[in-house]
Structures are given as structure tokens and as C-alpha cells.
């Protein structure tokens, strides 16, 4: 079984089709592991804000807007 983001291009191109329309995998969170010893730097906070903005809405669910995507990979 593949993740939705991994097959999004094939679904859009018609190479794959959904067969279980009412079934979904549970969501998979993206986790950032941060050291707590010195607090969060401004650079780390900005990076997390950028990642959140780039993934909202998920790029693989955008039909016409491919901003941030290159060959199926997220560009930061």
C-alpha cells in the first residue's frame, strides 16, 4: 500500500484509479524532533512555519497549483 502523496501524480494522470472510494488510511503526522535544552531558535521557528505553510493544503491535493513541487518532491 502506498501513501496518497506517493501516487498522487499517477491518480491525476489516470494510471491508477481509486477502487475503494469510501476507505481512507488514517492520517500520518509529520513530526519535527527538536532539542529542548536551549529552546527554539528563530531559524528553527521560521523553518517550521515554512514547512507548515508549504504543506497546507497538501501539495499533492492541489489540482492546478504545483508551486513548491518539483518531480513530486517538496522544494523548500
N, C-alpha and C. Protein backbone atom coordinates (compact mmCIF):
# COMPACT_ATOMS: atom_id res chain seq x y z
N UNK A 1 0.83 -1.16 0.00
CA UNK A 1 0.00 0.00 0.00
C UNK A 1 0.89 1.24 0.00
N UNK A 2 0.58 2.20 -0.84
CA UNK A 2 1.39 3.42 -0.97
C UNK A 2 0.64 4.60 -0.37
N UNK A 3 1.38 5.61 0.06
CA UNK A 3 0.79 6.83 0.58
C UNK A 3 0.15 7.62 -0.55
N UNK A 4 -0.85 8.41 -0.20
CA UNK A 4 -1.53 9.24 -1.18
C UNK A 4 -0.55 10.15 -1.91
N UNK A 5 0.40 10.78 -1.18
CA UNK A 5 1.35 11.68 -1.82
C UNK A 5 2.24 10.96 -2.80
N UNK A 6 2.47 9.68 -2.58
CA UNK A 6 3.36 8.90 -3.44
C UNK A 6 2.70 8.53 -4.77
N UNK A 7 1.39 8.46 -4.81
CA UNK A 7 0.69 8.05 -6.03
C UNK A 7 -0.18 9.18 -6.62
N UNK A 8 -0.10 10.38 -6.05
CA UNK A 8 -0.96 11.48 -6.49
C UNK A 8 -0.82 11.76 -7.98
N UNK A 9 0.40 11.79 -8.49
CA UNK A 9 0.61 12.06 -9.92
C UNK A 9 -0.01 10.97 -10.78
N UNK A 10 0.13 9.71 -10.38
CA UNK A 10 -0.47 8.60 -11.14
C UNK A 10 -1.99 8.66 -11.10
N UNK A 11 -2.56 9.07 -9.97
CA UNK A 11 -4.02 9.24 -9.90
C UNK A 11 -4.48 10.34 -10.84
N UNK A 12 -3.78 11.50 -10.83
CA UNK A 12 -4.14 12.62 -11.71
C UNK A 12 -4.02 12.22 -13.17
N UNK A 13 -2.99 11.44 -13.51
CA UNK A 13 -2.76 11.06 -14.91
C UNK A 13 -3.64 9.91 -15.36
N UNK A 14 -4.37 9.28 -14.42
CA UNK A 14 -5.24 8.18 -14.80
C UNK A 14 -4.55 6.83 -14.87
N UNK A 15 -3.27 6.77 -14.49
CA UNK A 15 -2.56 5.49 -14.49
C UNK A 15 -3.02 4.59 -13.34
N UNK A 16 -3.55 5.22 -12.29
CA UNK A 16 -4.16 4.50 -11.17
C UNK A 16 -5.57 5.04 -10.96
N UNK A 17 -6.45 4.19 -10.47
CA UNK A 17 -7.81 4.63 -10.15
C UNK A 17 -8.17 4.15 -8.75
N UNK A 18 -8.98 4.94 -8.05
CA UNK A 18 -9.46 4.54 -6.74
C UNK A 18 -10.52 3.46 -6.93
N UNK A 19 -10.45 2.43 -6.12
CA UNK A 19 -11.46 1.38 -6.18
C UNK A 19 -12.28 1.31 -4.89
N UNK A 20 -11.75 1.78 -3.80
CA UNK A 20 -12.48 1.81 -2.52
C UNK A 20 -12.68 3.28 -2.14
N UNK A 21 -13.65 3.94 -2.77
CA UNK A 21 -13.84 5.37 -2.62
C UNK A 21 -14.14 5.81 -1.19
N UNK A 22 -14.77 4.99 -0.40
CA UNK A 22 -15.14 5.38 0.96
C UNK A 22 -14.07 5.03 2.00
N UNK A 23 -12.99 4.42 1.58
CA UNK A 23 -11.96 3.97 2.53
C UNK A 23 -10.75 4.89 2.47
N UNK A 24 -10.24 5.26 3.64
CA UNK A 24 -9.06 6.12 3.72
C UNK A 24 -8.09 5.56 4.76
N UNK A 25 -6.82 5.74 4.52
CA UNK A 25 -5.82 5.43 5.53
C UNK A 25 -5.92 6.47 6.65
N UNK A 26 -5.56 6.10 7.85
CA UNK A 26 -5.54 7.12 8.91
C UNK A 26 -4.46 8.16 8.59
N UNK A 27 -4.64 9.39 9.04
CA UNK A 27 -3.65 10.43 8.76
C UNK A 27 -2.30 10.08 9.36
N UNK A 28 -1.26 10.49 8.67
CA UNK A 28 0.11 10.28 9.16
C UNK A 28 0.71 11.66 9.43
N UNK A 29 0.98 11.93 10.67
CA UNK A 29 1.53 13.23 11.05
C UNK A 29 2.99 13.35 10.61
N UNK A 30 3.40 14.58 10.40
CA UNK A 30 4.80 14.89 10.18
C UNK A 30 5.32 15.41 11.51
N UNK A 31 6.41 14.85 11.97
CA UNK A 31 6.93 15.18 13.29
C UNK A 31 8.30 15.81 13.16
N UNK A 32 8.50 16.92 13.87
CA UNK A 32 9.82 17.56 13.94
C UNK A 32 10.35 17.34 15.35
N UNK A 33 11.49 16.69 15.45
CA UNK A 33 12.11 16.45 16.75
C UNK A 33 13.06 17.61 17.06
N UNK A 34 12.79 18.29 18.13
CA UNK A 34 13.57 19.47 18.50
C UNK A 34 14.21 19.27 19.85
N UNK A 35 15.43 19.71 19.98
CA UNK A 35 16.10 19.67 21.27
C UNK A 35 15.52 20.74 22.18
N UNK A 36 15.27 20.41 23.42
CA UNK A 36 14.66 21.35 24.36
C UNK A 36 15.70 22.04 25.24
N UNK A 37 16.95 21.66 25.12
CA UNK A 37 17.97 22.17 26.03
C UNK A 37 18.15 23.68 25.92
N UNK A 38 18.12 24.23 24.73
CA UNK A 38 18.38 25.67 24.56
C UNK A 38 17.17 26.42 24.02
N UNK A 39 16.01 25.81 23.99
CA UNK A 39 14.85 26.49 23.44
C UNK A 39 14.86 26.46 21.92
N UNK A 40 13.90 27.07 21.33
CA UNK A 40 13.75 27.07 19.87
C UNK A 40 14.34 28.35 19.29
N UNK A 41 15.26 28.20 18.36
CA UNK A 41 15.88 29.37 17.73
C UNK A 41 14.89 30.00 16.74
N UNK A 42 15.15 31.24 16.38
CA UNK A 42 14.32 31.93 15.40
C UNK A 42 14.37 31.20 14.06
N UNK A 43 15.54 30.66 13.71
CA UNK A 43 15.70 29.93 12.45
C UNK A 43 14.83 28.67 12.44
N UNK A 44 14.82 27.95 13.56
CA UNK A 44 14.00 26.74 13.66
C UNK A 44 12.52 27.08 13.60
N UNK A 45 12.12 28.11 14.32
CA UNK A 45 10.71 28.54 14.32
C UNK A 45 10.28 28.92 12.91
N UNK A 46 11.11 29.66 12.19
CA UNK A 46 10.79 30.08 10.82
C UNK A 46 10.70 28.87 9.89
N UNK A 47 11.62 27.91 10.05
CA UNK A 47 11.59 26.70 9.24
C UNK A 47 10.28 25.94 9.45
N UNK A 48 9.86 25.80 10.70
CA UNK A 48 8.61 25.09 10.99
C UNK A 48 7.41 25.83 10.39
N UNK A 49 7.42 27.16 10.47
CA UNK A 49 6.35 27.95 9.85
C UNK A 49 6.33 27.72 8.34
N UNK A 50 7.49 27.70 7.71
CA UNK A 50 7.60 27.50 6.27
C UNK A 50 7.08 26.11 5.87
N UNK A 51 7.50 25.09 6.59
CA UNK A 51 7.04 23.73 6.29
C UNK A 51 5.53 23.64 6.43
N UNK A 52 4.99 24.23 7.49
CA UNK A 52 3.54 24.21 7.68
C UNK A 52 2.83 24.91 6.52
N UNK A 53 3.33 26.07 6.12
CA UNK A 53 2.72 26.81 5.00
C UNK A 53 2.82 26.02 3.69
N UNK A 54 3.95 25.35 3.46
CA UNK A 54 4.13 24.60 2.21
C UNK A 54 3.24 23.36 2.15
N UNK A 55 2.85 22.84 3.31
CA UNK A 55 2.06 21.60 3.34
C UNK A 55 0.59 21.85 3.62
N UNK A 56 0.14 23.12 3.63
CA UNK A 56 -1.26 23.44 3.87
C UNK A 56 -1.80 24.24 2.70
N UNK A 57 -2.68 23.71 1.89
CA UNK A 57 -3.14 22.33 1.86
C UNK A 57 -2.05 21.42 1.31
N UNK A 58 -2.21 20.12 1.48
CA UNK A 58 -1.18 19.20 0.98
C UNK A 58 -0.92 19.42 -0.51
N UNK A 59 0.35 19.58 -0.90
CA UNK A 59 0.67 19.89 -2.30
C UNK A 59 0.17 18.84 -3.28
N UNK A 60 0.10 17.59 -2.87
CA UNK A 60 -0.33 16.54 -3.78
C UNK A 60 -1.84 16.57 -4.00
N UNK A 61 -2.58 17.37 -3.23
CA UNK A 61 -4.02 17.51 -3.45
C UNK A 61 -4.36 18.75 -4.24
N UNK A 62 -3.38 19.56 -4.55
CA UNK A 62 -3.61 20.75 -5.36
C UNK A 62 -3.72 20.31 -6.81
N UNK A 63 -4.80 20.71 -7.46
CA UNK A 63 -5.01 20.28 -8.84
C UNK A 63 -4.16 21.08 -9.83
N UNK A 64 -4.22 22.38 -9.74
CA UNK A 64 -3.54 23.17 -10.76
C UNK A 64 -2.32 23.90 -10.24
N UNK A 65 -2.23 24.10 -8.94
CA UNK A 65 -1.11 24.85 -8.38
C UNK A 65 0.00 23.89 -7.98
N UNK A 66 1.09 23.89 -8.73
CA UNK A 66 2.20 22.98 -8.42
C UNK A 66 3.34 23.73 -7.74
N UNK A 67 3.06 24.93 -7.20
CA UNK A 67 4.08 25.70 -6.50
C UNK A 67 4.67 24.86 -5.37
N UNK A 68 5.97 24.86 -5.26
CA UNK A 68 6.62 24.10 -4.19
C UNK A 68 6.90 22.66 -4.55
N UNK A 69 6.50 22.22 -5.75
CA UNK A 69 6.72 20.82 -6.12
C UNK A 69 7.62 20.76 -7.34
N UNK A 70 8.53 19.82 -7.33
CA UNK A 70 9.38 19.53 -8.47
C UNK A 70 9.52 18.03 -8.55
N UNK A 71 9.05 17.44 -9.62
CA UNK A 71 9.13 15.99 -9.82
C UNK A 71 8.59 15.23 -8.62
N UNK A 72 7.48 15.70 -8.06
CA UNK A 72 6.86 15.01 -6.96
C UNK A 72 7.56 15.20 -5.62
N UNK A 73 8.57 16.05 -5.56
CA UNK A 73 9.29 16.29 -4.30
C UNK A 73 9.06 17.72 -3.84
N UNK A 74 8.90 17.89 -2.55
CA UNK A 74 8.69 19.20 -1.97
C UNK A 74 9.99 19.99 -2.03
N UNK A 75 9.93 21.20 -2.51
CA UNK A 75 11.10 22.07 -2.59
C UNK A 75 10.95 23.15 -1.52
N UNK A 76 11.89 23.21 -0.60
CA UNK A 76 11.85 24.23 0.46
C UNK A 76 12.83 25.33 0.19
